[in-house]
Amino acid sequence: MTISLVVPSVLTLYHGVVAQMEKVKHLRKLVVTVRDSLKQRFLGIFIRMHMAYSEDPEDTPFHNQVYVAASVLDPNLKLAWIDQDGIDDYNIDEKDEIIQEIRCE
């Protein structure tokens, strides 16, 4: 696994867990705990994708721009992971804003 797969993998895991929340009946607390743990451990990625907020984002884990940059610069990924898993739940204006931020970095 290379650094370019960190952001797409985390976002795919997160969306998979969120999708299971609606289907799970007996282990709902486990699914919620996994979702919250992913968000806490990879908070910097979620902040960069406008999926979370922090007062001091520089102190959050995985906030370094190298993770997003590596994903964008990987010739196999480019920006495809944004449309696929990254920010499906946001409107088109916010998607364009995030893509512009990534290009600026």
Protein backbone atom coordinates (compact mmCIF):
# COMPACT_ATOMS: atom_id res chain seq x y z
CA MET A 1 0.00 0.00 0.00
CA THR A 2 1.33 3.41 -0.89
CA ILE A 3 0.58 6.80 0.62
CA SER A 4 -1.61 7.61 -2.37
CA LEU A 5 -4.17 5.05 -1.21
CA VAL A 6 -4.64 6.45 2.31
CA VAL A 7 -7.30 9.07 1.55
CA PRO A 8 -9.37 6.97 -0.89
CA SER A 9 -9.21 3.96 1.45
CA VAL A 10 -10.28 5.91 4.53
CA LEU A 11 -13.16 7.58 2.70
CA THR A 12 -14.31 4.28 1.19
CA LEU A 13 -14.25 2.61 4.62
CA TYR A 14 -16.16 5.51 6.15
CA HIS A 15 -18.87 5.51 3.48
CA GLY A 16 -19.16 1.73 3.76
CA VAL A 17 -19.67 1.92 7.51
CA VAL A 18 -22.23 4.72 7.16
CA ALA A 19 -24.11 2.68 4.55
CA GLN A 20 -24.25 -0.29 6.94
CA MET A 21 -25.73 1.82 9.75
CA GLU A 22 -29.14 1.73 8.08
CA LYS A 23 -29.06 -2.05 7.59
CA VAL A 24 -27.72 -3.21 10.97
CA LYS A 25 -30.21 -4.08 13.68
CA HIS A 26 -28.32 -5.84 16.47
CA LEU A 27 -24.80 -4.42 16.23
CA ARG A 28 -25.69 -0.77 15.73
CA LYS A 29 -23.53 0.38 18.64
CA LEU A 30 -20.51 -1.39 17.12
CA VAL A 31 -21.07 0.28 13.73
CA VAL A 32 -21.45 3.71 15.37
CA THR A 33 -18.24 3.13 17.34
CA VAL A 34 -16.32 2.15 14.19
CA ARG A 35 -17.67 5.23 12.37
CA ASP A 36 -16.69 7.56 15.20
CA SER A 37 -13.28 5.93 15.55
CA LEU A 38 -12.54 6.40 11.84
CA LYS A 39 -13.53 10.04 12.06
CA GLN A 40 -11.41 10.62 15.16
CA ARG A 41 -8.31 8.79 13.93
CA PHE A 42 -8.33 10.37 10.46
CA LEU A 43 -9.83 13.74 11.38
CA GLY A 44 -7.38 15.69 9.23
CA ILE A 45 -8.58 13.92 6.09
CA PHE A 46 -12.21 14.61 6.93
CA ILE A 47 -11.42 18.28 7.57
CA ARG A 48 -9.70 18.59 4.17
CA MET A 49 -12.76 17.01 2.52
CA HIS A 50 -15.12 19.40 4.36
CA MET A 51 -16.72 16.49 6.20
CA ALA A 52 -15.64 17.70 9.66
CA TYR A 53 -14.47 20.81 11.47
CA SER A 54 -11.88 21.49 14.13
CA GLU A 55 -10.83 24.65 15.95
CA ASP A 56 -7.16 23.77 15.46
CA PRO A 57 -6.90 21.61 12.33
CA GLU A 58 -3.08 21.66 12.32
CA ASP A 59 -3.03 19.43 15.43
CA THR A 60 -5.30 16.78 13.94
CA PRO A 61 -3.94 13.45 12.69
CA PHE A 62 -3.47 13.10 8.91
CA HIS A 63 -3.97 16.82 8.26
CA ASN A 64 -0.78 17.09 6.21
CA GLN A 65 -1.53 17.92 2.59
CA VAL A 66 0.82 15.18 1.40
CA TYR A 67 -1.94 12.55 1.73
CA VAL A 68 -4.34 14.32 -0.61
CA ALA A 69 -1.55 15.41 -2.95
CA ALA A 70 -0.25 11.85 -3.25
CA SER A 71 -3.73 10.62 -4.14
CA VAL A 72 -4.18 13.27 -6.81
CA LEU A 73 -0.70 12.76 -8.27
CA ASP A 74 -1.08 8.97 -8.50
CA PRO A 75 -1.68 8.28 -12.21
CA ASN A 76 -4.08 5.45 -11.37
CA LEU A 77 -6.27 7.62 -9.12
CA LYS A 78 -6.04 11.31 -10.11
CA LEU A 79 -9.38 12.89 -9.06
CA ALA A 80 -11.55 9.80 -9.66
CA TRP A 81 -11.72 8.97 -5.94
CA ILE A 82 -13.43 12.30 -5.23
CA ASP A 83 -16.37 11.52 -7.49
CA GLN A 84 -16.52 7.91 -6.40
CA ASP A 85 -16.16 7.97 -2.62
CA GLY A 86 -14.86 11.28 -1.40
CA ILE A 87 -17.72 13.73 -1.40
CA ASP A 88 -20.79 12.12 -2.96
CA ASP A 89 -23.11 13.67 -0.40
CA TYR A 90 -22.24 17.27 -1.20
CA ASN A 91 -23.66 19.56 -3.81
CA ILE A 92 -21.75 20.32 -7.00
CA ASP A 93 -20.57 23.77 -5.84
CA GLU A 94 -18.83 22.32 -2.79
CA LYS A 95 -17.29 19.55 -4.88
CA ASP A 96 -15.82 22.15 -7.24
CA GLU A 97 -14.53 24.14 -4.26
CA ILE A 98 -12.74 21.10 -2.81
CA ILE A 99 -11.23 20.20 -6.18
CA GLN A 100 -10.00 23.78 -6.57
CA GLU A 101 -8.42 23.68 -3.09
CA ILE A 102 -6.64 20.42 -3.97
CA ARG A 103 -5.32 21.89 -7.21
CA CYS A 104 -4.04 25.00 -5.38
CA GLU A 105 -2.13 22.90 -2.86
